[in-house]
């Protein structure tokens, strides 16, 4: 299995003014990056997760476990955002199933 994709994890929080530092905090923040193996899910998995096959979903396999608190991820720096659906931890790798977010 080749781990040739770069995954960026982002956290979203409402932006607000912090008087202690004199600037706005929050908003979209990059919280981490990992290398991974990315494949599309099969039709059966898409139907189980979403009820149809019109939503694109991906299986992302990592060597290490993902400990970030994240809202969405991107793959290889592209604009498409993916939201978490489920996490699996089989014997060898850690796996995420993610679905494409509508209205990027």
PDB file of N, CA and C in Angstrom:
ATOM      1  N   UNK A   1       0.855  -1.176   0.000  1.00  0.00           N
ATOM      2  CA  UNK A   1       0.000   0.000   0.000  1.00  0.00           C
ATOM      3  C   UNK A   1       0.899   1.237   0.000  1.00  0.00           C
ATOM      4  N   UNK A   2       0.625   2.147  -0.912  1.00  0.00           N
ATOM      5  CA  UNK A   2       1.432   3.358  -1.029  1.00  0.00           C
ATOM      6  C   UNK A   2       0.754   4.520  -0.302  1.00  0.00           C
ATOM      7  N   UNK A   3       1.509   5.199   0.521  1.00  0.00           N
ATOM      8  CA  UNK A   3       1.019   6.361   1.254  1.00  0.00           C
ATOM      9  C   UNK A   3       1.569   7.601   0.548  1.00  0.00           C
ATOM     10  N   UNK A   4       0.901   7.986  -0.541  1.00  0.00           N
ATOM     11  CA  UNK A   4       1.427   9.057  -1.385  1.00  0.00           C
ATOM     12  C   UNK A   4       0.538  10.295  -1.458  1.00  0.00           C
ATOM     13  N   UNK A   5      -0.427  10.424  -0.548  1.00  0.00           N
ATOM     14  CA  UNK A   5      -1.276  11.618  -0.500  1.00  0.00           C
ATOM     15  C   UNK A   5      -1.015  12.388   0.791  1.00  0.00           C
ATOM     16  N   UNK A   6      -1.097  13.706   0.704  1.00  0.00           N
ATOM     17  CA  UNK A   6      -0.884  14.566   1.861  1.00  0.00           C
ATOM     18  C   UNK A   6      -2.246  15.100   2.322  1.00  0.00           C
ATOM     19  N   UNK A   7      -2.598  14.812   3.556  1.00  0.00           N
ATOM     20  CA  UNK A   7      -3.897  15.201   4.109  1.00  0.00           C
ATOM     21  C   UNK A   7      -3.701  16.371   5.065  1.00  0.00           C
ATOM     22  N   UNK A   8      -4.496  17.439   4.881  1.00  0.00           N
ATOM     23  CA  UNK A   8      -4.449  18.604   5.767  1.00  0.00           C
ATOM     24  C   UNK A   8      -5.732  18.620   6.603  1.00  0.00           C
ATOM     25  N   UNK A   9      -5.579  18.731   7.916  1.00  0.00           N
ATOM     26  CA  UNK A   9      -6.705  18.771   8.841  1.00  0.00           C
ATOM     27  C   UNK A   9      -6.929  20.206   9.306  1.00  0.00           C
ATOM     28  N   UNK A  10      -8.196  20.660   9.260  1.00  0.00           N
ATOM     29  CA  UNK A  10      -8.541  22.026   9.651  1.00  0.00           C
ATOM     30  C   UNK A  10      -9.591  22.013  10.760  1.00  0.00           C
ATOM     31  N   UNK A  11      -9.478  22.985  11.635  1.00  0.00           N
ATOM     32  CA  UNK A  11     -10.465  23.208  12.689  1.00  0.00           C
ATOM     33  C   UNK A  11     -11.171  24.522  12.385  1.00  0.00           C
ATOM     34  N   UNK A  12     -12.469  24.542  12.620  1.00  0.00           N
ATOM     35  CA  UNK A  12     -13.250  25.756  12.420  1.00  0.00           C
ATOM     36  C   UNK A  12     -13.849  26.187  13.753  1.00  0.00           C
ATOM     37  N   UNK A  13     -13.656  27.432  14.094  1.00  0.00           N
ATOM     38  CA  UNK A  13     -14.324  28.005  15.261  1.00  0.00           C
ATOM     39  C   UNK A  13     -14.721  29.423  14.897  1.00  0.00           C
ATOM     40  N   UNK A  14     -15.691  29.933  15.591  1.00  0.00           N
ATOM     41  CA  UNK A  14     -16.165  31.274  15.283  1.00  0.00           C
ATOM     42  C   UNK A  14     -15.093  32.303  15.637  1.00  0.00           C
ATOM     43  N   UNK A  15     -14.800  33.189  14.718  1.00  0.00           N
ATOM     44  CA  UNK A  15     -13.802  34.233  14.936  1.00  0.00           C
ATOM     45  C   UNK A  15     -14.344  35.267  15.923  1.00  0.00           C
ATOM     46  N   UNK A  16     -13.500  35.669  16.879  1.00  0.00           N
ATOM     47  CA  UNK A  16     -13.907  36.679  17.859  1.00  0.00           C
ATOM     48  C   UNK A  16     -12.692  37.504  18.281  1.00  0.00           C
ATOM     49  N   UNK A  17     -12.944  38.679  18.808  1.00  0.00           N
ATOM     50  CA  UNK A  17     -11.876  39.586  19.242  1.00  0.00           C
ATOM     51  C   UNK A  17     -11.423  39.203  20.643  1.00  0.00           C
ATOM     52  N   UNK A  18     -10.118  39.053  20.827  1.00  0.00           N
ATOM     53  CA  UNK A  18      -9.535  38.750  22.134  1.00  0.00           C
ATOM     54  C   UNK A  18      -8.820  40.005  22.633  1.00  0.00           C
ATOM     55  N   UNK A  19      -9.371  40.696  23.633  1.00  0.00           N
ATOM     56  CA  UNK A  19      -8.761  41.939  24.109  1.00  0.00           C
ATOM     57  C   UNK A  19      -7.389  41.730  24.765  1.00  0.00           C
ATOM     58  N   UNK A  20      -7.100  40.536  25.257  1.00  0.00           N
ATOM     59  CA  UNK A  20      -5.800  40.272  25.882  1.00  0.00           C
ATOM     60  C   UNK A  20      -4.652  40.344  24.876  1.00  0.00           C
ATOM     61  N   UNK A  21      -4.897  39.865  23.651  1.00  0.00           N
ATOM     62  CA  UNK A  21      -3.836  39.910  22.637  1.00  0.00           C
ATOM     63  C   UNK A  21      -4.074  41.024  21.621  1.00  0.00           C
ATOM     64  N   UNK A  22      -5.243  41.652  21.673  1.00  0.00           N
ATOM     65  CA  UNK A  22      -5.533  42.775  20.796  1.00  0.00           C
ATOM     66  C   UNK A  22      -5.747  42.401  19.339  1.00  0.00           C
ATOM     67  N   UNK A  23      -6.270  41.185  19.105  1.00  0.00           N
ATOM     68  CA  UNK A  23      -6.489  40.753  17.731  1.00  0.00           C
ATOM     69  C   UNK A  23      -7.619  39.719  17.701  1.00  0.00           C
ATOM     70  N   UNK A  24      -8.060  39.401  16.477  1.00  0.00           N
ATOM     71  CA  UNK A  24      -9.090  38.381  16.312  1.00  0.00           C
ATOM     72  C   UNK A  24      -8.468  36.995  16.384  1.00  0.00           C
ATOM     73  N   UNK A  25      -9.174  36.069  17.011  1.00  0.00           N
ATOM     74  CA  UNK A  25      -8.749  34.676  17.098  1.00  0.00           C
ATOM     75  C   UNK A  25      -9.883  33.793  16.610  1.00  0.00           C
ATOM     76  N   UNK A  26      -9.552  32.574  16.297  1.00  0.00           N
ATOM     77  CA  UNK A  26     -10.561  31.643  15.799  1.00  0.00           C
ATOM     78  C   UNK A  26     -10.595  31.638  14.290  1.00  0.00           C
ATOM     79  N   UNK A  27     -11.666  31.097  13.740  1.00  0.00           N
ATOM     80  CA  UNK A  27     -11.763  30.956  12.303  1.00  0.00           C
ATOM     81  C   UNK A  27     -11.181  29.617  11.876  1.00  0.00           C
ATOM     82  N   UNK A  28     -10.754  29.519  10.637  1.00  0.00           N
ATOM     83  CA  UNK A  28     -10.188  28.279  10.105  1.00  0.00           C
ATOM     84  C   UNK A  28      -8.703  28.203  10.444  1.00  0.00           C
ATOM     85  N   UNK A  29      -8.296  27.074  11.050  1.00  0.00           N
ATOM     86  CA  UNK A  29      -6.916  26.880  11.454  1.00  0.00           C
ATOM     87  C   UNK A  29      -6.435  25.513  10.983  1.00  0.00           C
ATOM     88  N   UNK A  30      -5.263  25.454  10.361  1.00  0.00           N
ATOM     89  CA  UNK A  30      -4.641  24.183  10.014  1.00  0.00           C
ATOM     90  C   UNK A  30      -4.103  23.573  11.302  1.00  0.00           C
ATOM     91  N   UNK A  31      -4.595  22.372  11.664  1.00  0.00           N
ATOM     92  CA  UNK A  31      -4.173  21.761  12.925  1.00  0.00           C
ATOM     93  C   UNK A  31      -3.197  20.602  12.733  1.00  0.00           C
ATOM     94  N   UNK A  32      -3.028  20.134  11.490  1.00  0.00           N
ATOM     95  CA  UNK A  32      -2.061  19.064  11.273  1.00  0.00           C
ATOM     96  C   UNK A  32      -2.063  18.542   9.849  1.00  0.00           C
ATOM     97  N   UNK A  33      -0.997  17.824   9.514  1.00  0.00           N
ATOM     98  CA  UNK A  33      -0.864  17.188   8.209  1.00  0.00           C
ATOM     99  C   UNK A  33      -0.318  15.781   8.394  1.00  0.00           C
ATOM    100  N   UNK A  34      -0.764  14.858   7.568  1.00  0.00           N
ATOM    101  CA  UNK A  34      -0.310  13.472   7.605  1.00  0.00           C
ATOM    102  C   UNK A  34      -0.247  12.926   6.189  1.00  0.00           C
ATOM    103  N   UNK A  35       0.597  11.915   5.978  1.00  0.00           N
ATOM    104  CA  UNK A  35       0.586  11.212   4.700  1.00  0.00           C
ATOM    105  C   UNK A  35      -0.408  10.060   4.811  1.00  0.00           C
ATOM    106  N   UNK A  36      -1.014   9.689   3.673  1.00  0.00           N
ATOM    107  CA  UNK A  36      -2.064   8.677   3.709  1.00  0.00           C
ATOM    108  C   UNK A  36      -2.224   7.998   2.362  1.00  0.00           C
ATOM    109  N   UNK A  37      -2.983   6.921   2.373  1.00  0.00           N
ATOM    110  CA  UNK A  37      -3.423   6.225   1.177  1.00  0.00           C
ATOM    111  C   UNK A  37      -4.905   6.529   1.025  1.00  0.00           C
ATOM    112  N   UNK A  38      -5.308   7.063  -0.139  1.00  0.00           N
ATOM    113  CA  UNK A  38      -6.695   7.482  -0.357  1.00  0.00           C
ATOM    114  C   UNK A  38      -7.300   6.665  -1.487  1.00  0.00           C
ATOM    115  N   UNK A  39      -8.490   6.078  -1.236  1.00  0.00           N
ATOM    116  CA  UNK A  39      -9.240   5.368  -2.270  1.00  0.00           C
ATOM    117  C   UNK A  39     -10.712   5.738  -2.148  1.00  0.00           C
ATOM    118  N   UNK A  40     -11.452   5.576  -3.236  1.00  0.00           N
ATOM    119  CA  UNK A  40     -12.899   5.820  -3.184  1.00  0.00           C
ATOM    120  C   UNK A  40     -13.578   4.623  -2.539  1.00  0.00           C
ATOM    121  N   UNK A  41     -14.710   4.884  -1.878  1.00  0.00           N
ATOM    122  CA  UNK A  41     -15.471   3.787  -1.277  1.00  0.00           C
ATOM    123  C   UNK A  41     -16.277   3.088  -2.359  1.00  0.00           C
ATOM    124  N   UNK A  42     -16.676   1.893  -2.076  1.00  0.00           N
ATOM    125  CA  UNK A  42     -17.533   1.156  -2.995  1.00  0.00           C
ATOM    126  C   UNK A  42     -18.965   1.634  -2.896  1.00  0.00           C
ATOM    127  N   UNK A  43     -19.783   1.187  -3.809  1.00  0.00           N
ATOM    128  CA  UNK A  43     -21.196   1.579  -3.853  1.00  0.00           C
ATOM    129  C   UNK A  43     -21.920   1.182  -2.578  1.00  0.00           C
ATOM    130  N   UNK A  44     -21.657  -0.020  -2.071  1.00  0.00           N
ATOM    131  CA  UNK A  44     -22.343  -0.504  -0.871  1.00  0.00           C
ATOM    132  C   UNK A  44     -22.060   0.393   0.331  1.00  0.00           C
ATOM    133  N   UNK A  45     -20.799   0.796   0.508  1.00  0.00           N
ATOM    134  CA  UNK A  45     -20.432   1.676   1.620  1.00  0.00           C
ATOM    135  C   UNK A  45     -21.097   3.042   1.465  1.00  0.00           C
ATOM    136  N   UNK A  46     -21.139   3.579   0.251  1.00  0.00           N
ATOM    137  CA  UNK A  46     -21.778   4.877   0.014  1.00  0.00           C
ATOM    138  C   UNK A  46     -23.259   4.832   0.349  1.00  0.00           C
ATOM    139  N   UNK A  47     -23.921   3.763  -0.034  1.00  0.00           N
ATOM    140  CA  UNK A  47     -25.351   3.626   0.272  1.00  0.00           C
ATOM    141  C   UNK A  47     -25.561   3.506   1.770  1.00  0.00           C
ATOM    142  N   UNK A  48     -24.707   2.739   2.455  1.00  0.00           N
ATOM    143  CA  UNK A  48     -24.832   2.579   3.910  1.00  0.00           C
ATOM    144  C   UNK A  48     -24.597   3.904   4.638  1.00  0.00           C
ATOM    145  N   UNK A  49     -23.573   4.655   4.239  1.00  0.00           N
ATOM    146  CA  UNK A  49     -23.214   5.895   4.933  1.00  0.00           C
ATOM    147  C   UNK A  49     -24.149   7.047   4.597  1.00  0.00           C
ATOM    148  N   UNK A  50     -24.589   7.150   3.336  1.00  0.00           N
ATOM    149  CA  UNK A  50     -25.330   8.332   2.905  1.00  0.00           C
ATOM    150  C   UNK A  50     -26.746   8.052   2.432  1.00  0.00           C
ATOM    151  N   UNK A  51     -27.109   6.794   2.211  1.00  0.00           N
ATOM    152  CA  UNK A  51     -28.433   6.471   1.707  1.00  0.00           C
ATOM    153  C   UNK A  51     -28.521   6.531   0.192  1.00  0.00           C
ATOM    154  N   UNK A  52     -27.466   6.971  -0.471  1.00  0.00           N
ATOM    155  CA  UNK A  52     -27.419   6.997  -1.930  1.00  0.00           C
ATOM    156  C   UNK A  52     -25.963   7.003  -2.373  1.00  0.00           C
ATOM    157  N   UNK A  53     -25.738   7.059  -3.673  1.00  0.00           N
ATOM    158  CA  UNK A  53     -24.366   7.060  -4.176  1.00  0.00           C
ATOM    159  C   UNK A  53     -23.988   8.396  -4.799  1.00  0.00           C
ATOM    160  N   UNK A  54     -24.826   9.422  -4.600  1.00  0.00           N
ATOM    161  CA  UNK A  54     -24.534  10.722  -5.209  1.00  0.00           C
ATOM    162  C   UNK A  54     -23.480  11.514  -4.434  1.00  0.00           C
ATOM    163  N   UNK A  55     -23.263  11.192  -3.162  1.00  0.00           N
ATOM    164  CA  UNK A  55     -22.246  11.865  -2.362  1.00  0.00           C
ATOM    165  C   UNK A  55     -20.939  11.102  -2.472  1.00  0.00           C
ATOM    166  N   UNK A  56     -19.882  11.790  -2.880  1.00  0.00           N
ATOM    167  CA  UNK A  56     -18.578  11.132  -3.026  1.00  0.00           C
ATOM    168  C   UNK A  56     -17.982  10.902  -1.641  1.00  0.00           C
ATOM    169  N   UNK A  57     -17.585   9.666  -1.382  1.00  0.00           N
ATOM    170  CA  UNK A  57     -16.935   9.351  -0.116  1.00  0.00           C
ATOM    171  C   UNK A  57     -15.622   8.635  -0.389  1.00  0.00           C
ATOM    172  N   UNK A  58     -14.681   8.820   0.530  1.00  0.00           N
ATOM    173  CA  UNK A  58     -13.341   8.274   0.383  1.00  0.00           C
ATOM    174  C   UNK A  58     -12.934   7.495   1.628  1.00  0.00           C
ATOM    175  N   UNK A  59     -12.068   6.513   1.429  1.00  0.00           N
ATOM    176  CA  UNK A  59     -11.434   5.798   2.529  1.00  0.00           C
ATOM    177  C   UNK A  59     -10.005   6.315   2.599  1.00  0.00           C
ATOM    178  N   UNK A  60      -9.600   6.785   3.770  1.00  0.00           N
ATOM    179  CA  UNK A  60      -8.256   7.324   3.962  1.00  0.00           C
ATOM    180  C   UNK A  60      -7.568   6.491   5.032  1.00  0.00           C
ATOM    181  N   UNK A  61      -6.435   5.895   4.663  1.00  0.00           N
ATOM    182  CA  UNK A  61      -5.682   5.039   5.580  1.00  0.00           C
ATOM    183  C   UNK A  61      -4.392   5.738   5.997  1.00  0.00           C
ATOM    184  N   UNK A  62      -4.134   5.741   7.314  1.00  0.00           N
ATOM    185  CA  UNK A  62      -2.958   6.387   7.889  1.00  0.00           C
ATOM    186  C   UNK A  62      -2.084   5.351   8.585  1.00  0.00           C
ATOM    187  N   UNK A  63      -0.785   5.613   8.636  1.00  0.00           N
ATOM    188  CA  UNK A  63       0.121   4.750   9.385  1.00  0.00           C
ATOM    189  C   UNK A  63      -0.107   4.960  10.877  1.00  0.00           C
ATOM    190  N   UNK A  64      -0.217   6.224  11.300  1.00  0.00           N
ATOM    191  CA  UNK A  64      -0.396   6.571  12.715  1.00  0.00           C
ATOM    192  C   UNK A  64      -1.843   6.946  12.991  1.00  0.00           C
ATOM    193  N   UNK A  65      -2.225   6.891  14.258  1.00  0.00           N
ATOM    194  CA  UNK A  65      -3.570   7.325  14.627  1.00  0.00           C
ATOM    195  C   UNK A  65      -3.659   8.849  14.540  1.00  0.00           C
ATOM    196  N   UNK A  66      -4.847   9.348  14.289  1.00  0.00           N
ATOM    197  CA  UNK A  66      -5.082  10.777  14.151  1.00  0.00           C
ATOM    198  C   UNK A  66      -5.660  11.286  15.465  1.00  0.00           C
ATOM    199  N   UNK A  67      -4.934  12.177  16.104  1.00  0.00           N
ATOM    200  CA  UNK A  67      -5.347  12.691  17.411  1.00  0.00           C
ATOM    201  C   UNK A  67      -5.833  14.133  17.344  1.00  0.00           C
ATOM    202  N   UNK A  68      -5.895  14.719  16.141  1.00  0.00           N
ATOM    203  CA  UNK A  68      -6.304  16.115  15.997  1.00  0.00           C
ATOM    204  C   UNK A  68      -7.792  16.275  16.248  1.00  0.00           C
ATOM    205  N   UNK A  69      -8.174  17.442  16.757  1.00  0.00           N
ATOM    206  CA  UNK A  69      -9.587  17.829  16.804  1.00  0.00           C
ATOM    207  C   UNK A  69      -9.809  18.652  15.543  1.00  0.00           C
ATOM    208  N   UNK A  70     -10.556  18.081  14.590  1.00  0.00           N
ATOM    209  CA  UNK A  70     -10.677  18.715  13.286  1.00  0.00           C
ATOM    210  C   UNK A  70     -12.119  18.747  12.817  1.00  0.00           C
ATOM    211  N   UNK A  71     -12.416  19.721  11.947  1.00  0.00           N
ATOM    212  CA  UNK A  71     -13.759  19.898  11.401  1.00  0.00           C
ATOM    213  C   UNK A  71     -13.877  19.339   9.995  1.00  0.00           C
ATOM    214  N   UNK A  72     -12.835  19.537   9.203  1.00  0.00           N
ATOM    215  CA  UNK A  72     -12.814  19.007   7.839  1.00  0.00           C
ATOM    216  C   UNK A  72     -11.369  18.806   7.406  1.00  0.00           C
ATOM    217  N   UNK A  73     -11.187  18.099   6.289  1.00  0.00           N
ATOM    218  CA  UNK A  73      -9.850  17.890   5.755  1.00  0.00           C
ATOM    219  C   UNK A  73      -9.833  18.163   4.260  1.00  0.00           C
ATOM    220  N   UNK A  74      -8.644  18.396   3.735  1.00  0.00           N
ATOM    221  CA  UNK A  74      -8.431  18.507   2.296  1.00  0.00           C
ATOM    222  C   UNK A  74      -7.331  17.523   1.920  1.00  0.00           C
ATOM    223  N   UNK A  75      -7.268  17.209   0.643  1.00  0.00           N
ATOM    224  CA  UNK A  75      -6.298  16.238   0.162  1.00  0.00           C
ATOM    225  C   UNK A  75      -5.378  16.908  -0.846  1.00  0.00           C
ATOM    226  N   UNK A  76      -4.077  16.799  -0.608  1.00  0.00           N
ATOM    227  CA  UNK A  76      -3.050  17.340  -1.506  1.00  0.00           C
ATOM    228  C   UNK A  76      -3.226  18.831  -1.789  1.00  0.00           C
ATOM    229  N   UNK A  77      -3.752  19.576  -0.826  1.00  0.00           N
ATOM    230  CA  UNK A  77      -3.892  21.022  -0.967  1.00  0.00           C
ATOM    231  C   UNK A  77      -5.004  21.477  -1.902  1.00  0.00           C
ATOM    232  N   UNK A  78      -5.868  20.560  -2.347  1.00  0.00           N
ATOM    233  CA  UNK A  78      -6.961  20.931  -3.241  1.00  0.00           C
ATOM    234  C   UNK A  78      -8.096  21.595  -2.455  1.00  0.00           C
ATOM    235  N   UNK A  79      -9.010  22.252  -3.150  1.00  0.00           N
ATOM    236  CA  UNK A  79     -10.078  23.019  -2.501  1.00  0.00           C
ATOM    237  C   UNK A  79     -11.199  22.167  -1.921  1.00  0.00           C
ATOM    238  N   UNK A  80     -11.415  20.963  -2.433  1.00  0.00           N
ATOM    239  CA  UNK A  80     -12.526  20.132  -1.981  1.00  0.00           C
ATOM    240  C   UNK A  80     -12.348  19.772  -0.513  1.00  0.00           C
ATOM    241  N   UNK A  81     -13.419  19.971   0.264  1.00  0.00           N
ATOM    242  CA  UNK A  81     -13.399  19.683   1.698  1.00  0.00           C
ATOM    243  C   UNK A  81     -14.171  18.394   1.965  1.00  0.00           C
ATOM    244  N   UNK A  82     -13.690  17.624   2.929  1.00  0.00           N
ATOM    245  CA  UNK A  82     -14.324  16.372   3.318  1.00  0.00           C
ATOM    246  C   UNK A  82     -14.605  16.378   4.809  1.00  0.00           C
ATOM    247  N   UNK A  83     -15.799  15.948   5.182  1.00  0.00           N
ATOM    248  CA  UNK A  83     -16.191  15.877   6.592  1.00  0.00           C
ATOM    249  C   UNK A  83     -16.061  14.441   7.086  1.00  0.00           C
ATOM    250  N   UNK A  84     -15.831  14.265   8.378  1.00  0.00           N
ATOM    251  CA  UNK A  84     -15.687  12.903   8.906  1.00  0.00           C
ATOM    252  C   UNK A  84     -17.013  12.161   8.915  1.00  0.00           C
ATOM    253  N   UNK A  85     -16.963  10.874   8.570  1.00  0.00           N
ATOM    254  CA  UNK A  85     -18.131  10.002   8.646  1.00  0.00           C
ATOM    255  C   UNK A  85     -17.921   8.972   9.752  1.00  0.00           C
ATOM    256  N   UNK A  86     -16.816   8.238   9.669  1.00  0.00           N
ATOM    257  CA  UNK A  86     -16.520   7.224  10.679  1.00  0.00           C
ATOM    258  C   UNK A  86     -15.019   6.946  10.729  1.00  0.00           C
ATOM    259  N   UNK A  87     -14.582   6.341  11.819  1.00  0.00           N
ATOM    260  CA  UNK A  87     -13.182   5.962  12.017  1.00  0.00           C
ATOM    261  C   UNK A  87     -13.115   4.471  12.316  1.00  0.00           C
ATOM    262  N   UNK A  88     -12.122   3.814  11.760  1.00  0.00           N
ATOM    263  CA  UNK A  88     -11.886   2.398  12.029  1.00  0.00           C
ATOM    264  C   UNK A  88     -10.424   2.219  12.409  1.00  0.00           C
ATOM    265  N   UNK A  89     -10.153   1.256  13.292  1.00  0.00           N
ATOM    266  CA  UNK A  89      -8.770   0.949  13.663  1.00  0.00           C
ATOM    267  C   UNK A  89      -8.539  -0.551  13.528  1.00  0.00           C
ATOM    268  N   UNK A  90      -8.349  -1.021  12.269  1.00  0.00           N
ATOM    269  CA  UNK A  90      -8.040  -2.446  12.094  1.00  0.00           C
ATOM    270  C   UNK A  90      -6.640  -2.761  12.608  1.00  0.00           C
ATOM    271  N   UNK A  91      -6.183  -3.972  12.393  1.00  0.00           N
ATOM    272  CA  UNK A  91      -4.904  -4.402  12.962  1.00  0.00           C
ATOM    273  C   UNK A  91      -3.711  -3.564  12.523  1.00  0.00           C
ATOM    274  N   UNK A  92      -3.623  -3.180  11.243  1.00  0.00           N
ATOM    275  CA  UNK A  92      -2.426  -2.501  10.767  1.00  0.00           C
ATOM    276  C   UNK A  92      -2.528  -0.986  10.716  1.00  0.00           C
ATOM    277  N   UNK A  93      -3.508  -0.438  10.038  1.00  0.00           N
ATOM    278  CA  UNK A  93      -3.579   1.005   9.809  1.00  0.00           C
ATOM    279  C   UNK A  93      -4.820   1.607  10.453  1.00  0.00           C
ATOM    280  N   UNK A  94      -4.818   2.927  10.583  1.00  0.00           N
ATOM    281  CA  UNK A  94      -5.982   3.658  11.064  1.00  0.00           C
ATOM    282  C   UNK A  94      -6.715   4.192   9.848  1.00  0.00           C
ATOM    283  N   UNK A  95      -8.027   4.074   9.848  1.00  0.00           N
ATOM    284  CA  UNK A  95      -8.813   4.393   8.664  1.00  0.00           C
ATOM    285  C   UNK A  95      -9.911   5.396   8.985  1.00  0.00           C
ATOM    286  N   UNK A  96     -10.077   6.381   8.094  1.00  0.00           N
ATOM    287  CA  UNK A  96     -11.193   7.318   8.149  1.00  0.00           C
ATOM    288  C   UNK A  96     -12.041   7.120   6.908  1.00  0.00           C
ATOM    289  N   UNK A  97     -13.342   7.221   7.081  1.00  0.00           N
ATOM    290  CA  UNK A  97     -14.239   7.331   5.928  1.00  0.00           C
ATOM    291  C   UNK A  97     -14.785   8.741   5.991  1.00  0.00           C
ATOM    292  N   UNK A  98     -14.599   9.483   4.889  1.00  0.00           N
ATOM    293  CA  UNK A  98     -15.014  10.877   4.841  1.00  0.00           C
ATOM    294  C   UNK A  98     -15.939  11.096   3.648  1.00  0.00           C
ATOM    295  N   UNK A  99     -16.784  12.128   3.751  1.00  0.00           N
ATOM    296  CA  UNK A  99     -17.700  12.462   2.672  1.00  0.00           C
ATOM    297  C   UNK A  99     -17.471  13.880   2.219  1.00  0.00           C
ATOM    298  N   UNK A 100     -17.654  14.114   0.930  1.00  0.00           N
ATOM    299  CA  UNK A 100     -17.469  15.430   0.357  1.00  0.00           C
ATOM    300  C   UNK A 100     -18.510  16.392   0.921  1.00  0.00           C
ATOM    301  N   UNK A 101     -18.052  17.579   1.310  1.00  0.00           N
ATOM    302  CA  UNK A 101     -18.951  18.593   1.861  1.00  0.00           C
ATOM    303  C   UNK A 101     -19.586  19.365   0.715  1.00  0.00           C
ATOM    304  N   UNK A 102     -20.882  19.611   0.802  1.00  0.00           N
ATOM    305  CA  UNK A 102     -21.568  20.431  -0.195  1.00  0.00           C
ATOM    306  C   UNK A 102     -21.374  21.890   0.143  1.00  0.00           C
ATOM    307  N   UNK A 103     -21.242  22.728  -0.876  1.00  0.00           N
ATOM    308  CA  UNK A 103     -21.110  24.168  -0.646  1.00  0.00           C
ATOM    309  C   UNK A 103     -19.787  24.554  -0.044  1.00  0.00           C
ATOM    310  N   UNK A 104     -18.691  24.107  -0.640  1.00  0.00           N
ATOM    311  CA  UNK A 104     -17.347  24.406  -0.131  1.00  0.00           C
ATOM    312  C   UNK A 104     -17.190  25.841   0.179  1.00  0.00           C
TER     313      UNK A 104
END
